[in-house]
Amino acid sequence: MHDAIQRAQDVGAPAVSPLDREMARVAQRCLMEALDYSRAASITLTTESGEHPSIDLPPASLKIIGQVLGMMSAGRPIVLMPAKQEMSTVEAANFLNVSRPFVIKEIKAGRLEHRMVGTHRRIAFSDLVEYAQGMQSRRLEALDRMAVNAAELGLEY
């Protein structure tokens, strides 16, 4: 896992030109419309020699391709990772954009699931995503409470 992340960091995100972003936007729109109306399960490609080979794909994979095109058109970086992947505490901290000691504190407090591999902690990616979603919902709840408190105190901001 660490090697894969390191290789991804070494390669860096490919530069997406404004033309590429526009092409991704148009391709995503066409793909999603085709999925909405026809339950399409194949894509027809045009090669440089003018051939039109057709590739059969599961509709779920076409939806993923559509999501990737959408992120690409927005200029957002993309990382694909298997859902059952495990991460070290360092990798989990990088994913959450927090420190490694914070991740270990959350593990010890029982708020973040993990398993031990020898003396090393491993965190399932699915558990990490669930934890991140919980953090986000708690953050939004705290902001809502602050807004209510500010309104009760007559504070305008």
Protein backbone atom coordinates (compact mmCIF):
# COMPACT_ATOMS: atom_id res chain seq x y z
CA MET A 1 0.00 0.00 0.00
CA HIS A 2 2.71 2.47 1.00
CA ASP A 3 4.57 1.72 -2.24
CA ALA A 4 1.43 2.39 -4.27
CA ILE A 5 0.89 5.76 -2.58
CA GLN A 6 4.55 6.64 -3.01
CA ARG A 7 4.41 5.75 -6.72
CA ALA A 8 1.27 7.90 -7.10
CA GLN A 9 3.00 10.81 -5.36
CA ASP A 10 6.13 10.36 -7.49
CA VAL A 11 4.11 10.41 -10.69
CA GLY A 12 2.00 13.35 -9.56
CA ALA A 13 -1.42 14.26 -10.83
CA PRO A 14 -1.47 14.52 -14.59
CA ALA A 15 -1.93 18.04 -15.84
CA VAL A 16 -5.46 18.58 -17.10
CA SER A 17 -5.66 21.29 -19.73
CA PRO A 18 -8.79 23.41 -20.18
CA LEU A 19 -9.49 21.46 -23.40
CA ASP A 20 -9.19 18.13 -21.53
CA ARG A 21 -11.55 19.43 -18.83
CA GLU A 22 -14.12 20.41 -21.44
CA MET A 23 -13.79 17.06 -23.22
CA ALA A 24 -14.29 15.26 -19.88
CA ARG A 25 -17.38 17.40 -19.15
CA VAL A 26 -18.96 16.58 -22.52
CA ALA A 27 -18.03 12.89 -22.28
CA GLN A 28 -19.49 12.64 -18.77
CA ARG A 29 -22.74 14.26 -19.85
CA CYS A 30 -23.09 11.94 -22.84
CA LEU A 31 -22.24 8.86 -20.81
CA MET A 32 -24.63 9.66 -17.97
CA GLU A 33 -27.46 10.48 -20.40
CA ALA A 34 -26.90 7.17 -22.18
CA LEU A 35 -27.02 5.33 -18.86
CA ASP A 36 -30.19 7.16 -17.80
CA TYR A 37 -32.15 6.39 -20.96
CA SER A 38 -30.87 3.14 -22.40
CA ARG A 39 -29.14 1.21 -19.60
CA ALA A 40 -26.17 1.12 -22.00
CA ALA A 41 -23.60 -1.58 -21.35
CA SER A 42 -21.05 -0.85 -24.04
CA ILE A 43 -18.90 1.94 -25.38
CA THR A 44 -17.89 2.37 -29.00
CA LEU A 45 -14.42 3.78 -29.53
CA THR A 46 -12.95 5.47 -32.56
CA THR A 47 -9.28 4.68 -33.14
CA GLU A 48 -6.80 6.84 -35.01
CA SER A 49 -7.22 4.55 -38.03
CA GLY A 50 -10.98 5.17 -38.01
CA GLU A 51 -12.04 1.76 -36.67
CA HIS A 52 -15.02 1.59 -34.30
CA PRO A 53 -14.51 -1.31 -31.88
CA SER A 54 -17.24 -1.80 -29.29
CA ILE A 55 -16.41 -2.73 -25.70
CA ASP A 56 -19.02 -4.33 -23.44
CA LEU A 57 -18.84 -3.10 -19.86
CA PRO A 58 -21.02 -3.55 -16.78
CA PRO A 59 -23.27 -0.49 -16.26
CA ALA A 60 -21.76 0.01 -12.78
CA SER A 61 -18.32 0.48 -14.33
CA LEU A 62 -19.73 3.05 -16.76
CA LYS A 63 -21.12 5.00 -13.78
CA ILE A 64 -17.67 4.97 -12.17
CA ILE A 65 -16.13 6.20 -15.42
CA GLY A 66 -18.77 8.95 -15.49
CA GLN A 67 -17.88 9.99 -11.93
CA VAL A 68 -14.18 10.06 -12.80
CA LEU A 69 -14.93 12.22 -15.86
CA GLY A 70 -16.97 14.57 -13.66
CA MET A 71 -14.10 15.01 -11.20
CA MET A 72 -11.67 15.44 -14.06
CA SER A 73 -13.85 18.15 -15.64
CA ALA A 74 -13.88 19.97 -12.29
CA GLY A 75 -10.08 19.75 -12.11
CA ARG A 76 -10.21 17.62 -8.94
CA PRO A 77 -7.43 15.09 -8.27
CA ILE A 78 -8.53 11.44 -8.45
CA VAL A 79 -7.26 8.37 -6.61
CA LEU A 80 -8.88 4.96 -7.13
CA MET A 81 -8.44 2.45 -4.33
CA PRO A 82 -10.02 -0.93 -3.56
CA ALA A 83 -12.62 -0.59 -0.78
CA LYS A 84 -11.10 -3.48 1.23
CA GLN A 85 -7.66 -1.87 1.28
CA GLU A 86 -5.92 -1.41 4.63
CA MET A 87 -3.84 1.59 5.59
CA SER A 88 -1.14 2.26 8.15
CA THR A 89 -1.62 4.98 10.75
CA VAL A 90 0.60 7.31 8.71
CA GLU A 91 -1.47 6.72 5.57
CA ALA A 92 -4.71 7.13 7.54
CA ALA A 93 -3.44 10.42 8.97
CA ASN A 94 -2.59 11.64 5.48
CA PHE A 95 -6.04 10.62 4.21
CA LEU A 96 -7.78 12.45 7.07
CA ASN A 97 -5.36 15.39 6.91
CA VAL A 98 -4.53 15.02 10.61
CA SER A 99 -1.43 13.98 12.56
CA ARG A 100 -0.44 10.38 13.20
CA PRO A 101 -0.67 10.90 17.00
CA PHE A 102 -4.28 12.06 16.53
CA VAL A 103 -5.09 8.84 14.62
CA ILE A 104 -3.50 6.74 17.37
CA LYS A 105 -5.46 8.68 20.03
CA GLU A 106 -8.71 7.99 18.16
CA ILE A 107 -7.82 4.28 17.89
CA LYS A 108 -7.02 4.04 21.62
CA ALA A 109 -10.29 5.83 22.46
CA GLY A 110 -12.18 3.25 20.41
CA ARG A 111 -13.49 5.78 17.88
CA LEU A 112 -11.54 4.34 14.94
CA GLU A 113 -11.58 0.61 14.19
CA HIS A 114 -8.29 -1.14 13.51
CA ARG A 115 -6.54 -4.49 13.67
CA MET A 116 -3.05 -5.38 14.75
CA VAL A 117 -0.55 -6.97 12.37
CA GLY A 118 2.30 -7.85 14.67
CA THR A 119 3.03 -4.56 16.40
CA HIS A 120 1.53 -2.42 13.62
CA ARG A 121 -1.98 -1.01 13.45
CA ARG A 122 -3.91 -1.43 10.20
CA ILE A 123 -7.10 0.46 9.43
CA ALA A 124 -9.56 -0.75 6.80
CA PHE A 125 -10.23 1.93 4.20
CA SER A 126 -13.99 1.41 4.61
CA ASP A 127 -13.65 2.10 8.37
CA LEU A 128 -11.59 5.19 7.61
CA VAL A 129 -14.23 6.53 5.20
CA GLU A 130 -16.96 5.87 7.79
CA TYR A 131 -14.90 7.69 10.43
CA ALA A 132 -14.32 10.66 8.08
CA GLN A 133 -18.06 10.88 7.34
CA GLY A 134 -18.76 10.85 11.08
CA MET A 135 -16.23 13.65 11.60
CA GLN A 136 -17.93 15.68 8.88
CA SER A 137 -21.42 15.18 10.33
CA ARG A 138 -20.20 16.12 13.84
CA ARG A 139 -18.54 19.22 12.39
CA LEU A 140 -21.79 20.26 10.66
CA GLU A 141 -23.81 19.64 13.85
CA ALA A 142 -21.38 21.83 15.81
CA LEU A 143 -21.72 24.61 13.23
CA ASP A 144 -25.52 24.36 13.42
CA ARG A 145 -25.39 24.62 17.24
CA MET A 146 -23.10 27.65 16.97
CA ALA A 147 -25.51 29.32 14.55
CA VAL A 148 -28.46 28.66 16.89
CA ASN A 149 -26.49 30.00 19.87
CA ALA A 150 -25.48 33.10 17.92
CA ALA A 151 -29.11 33.71 16.90
CA GLU A 152 -30.30 33.28 20.53
CA LEU A 153 -27.71 35.82 21.69
CA GLY A 154 -28.65 38.24 18.92
CA LEU A 155 -25.23 38.05 17.32
CA GLU A 156 -25.15 38.87 13.63
CA TYR A 157 -22.26 37.72 11.48
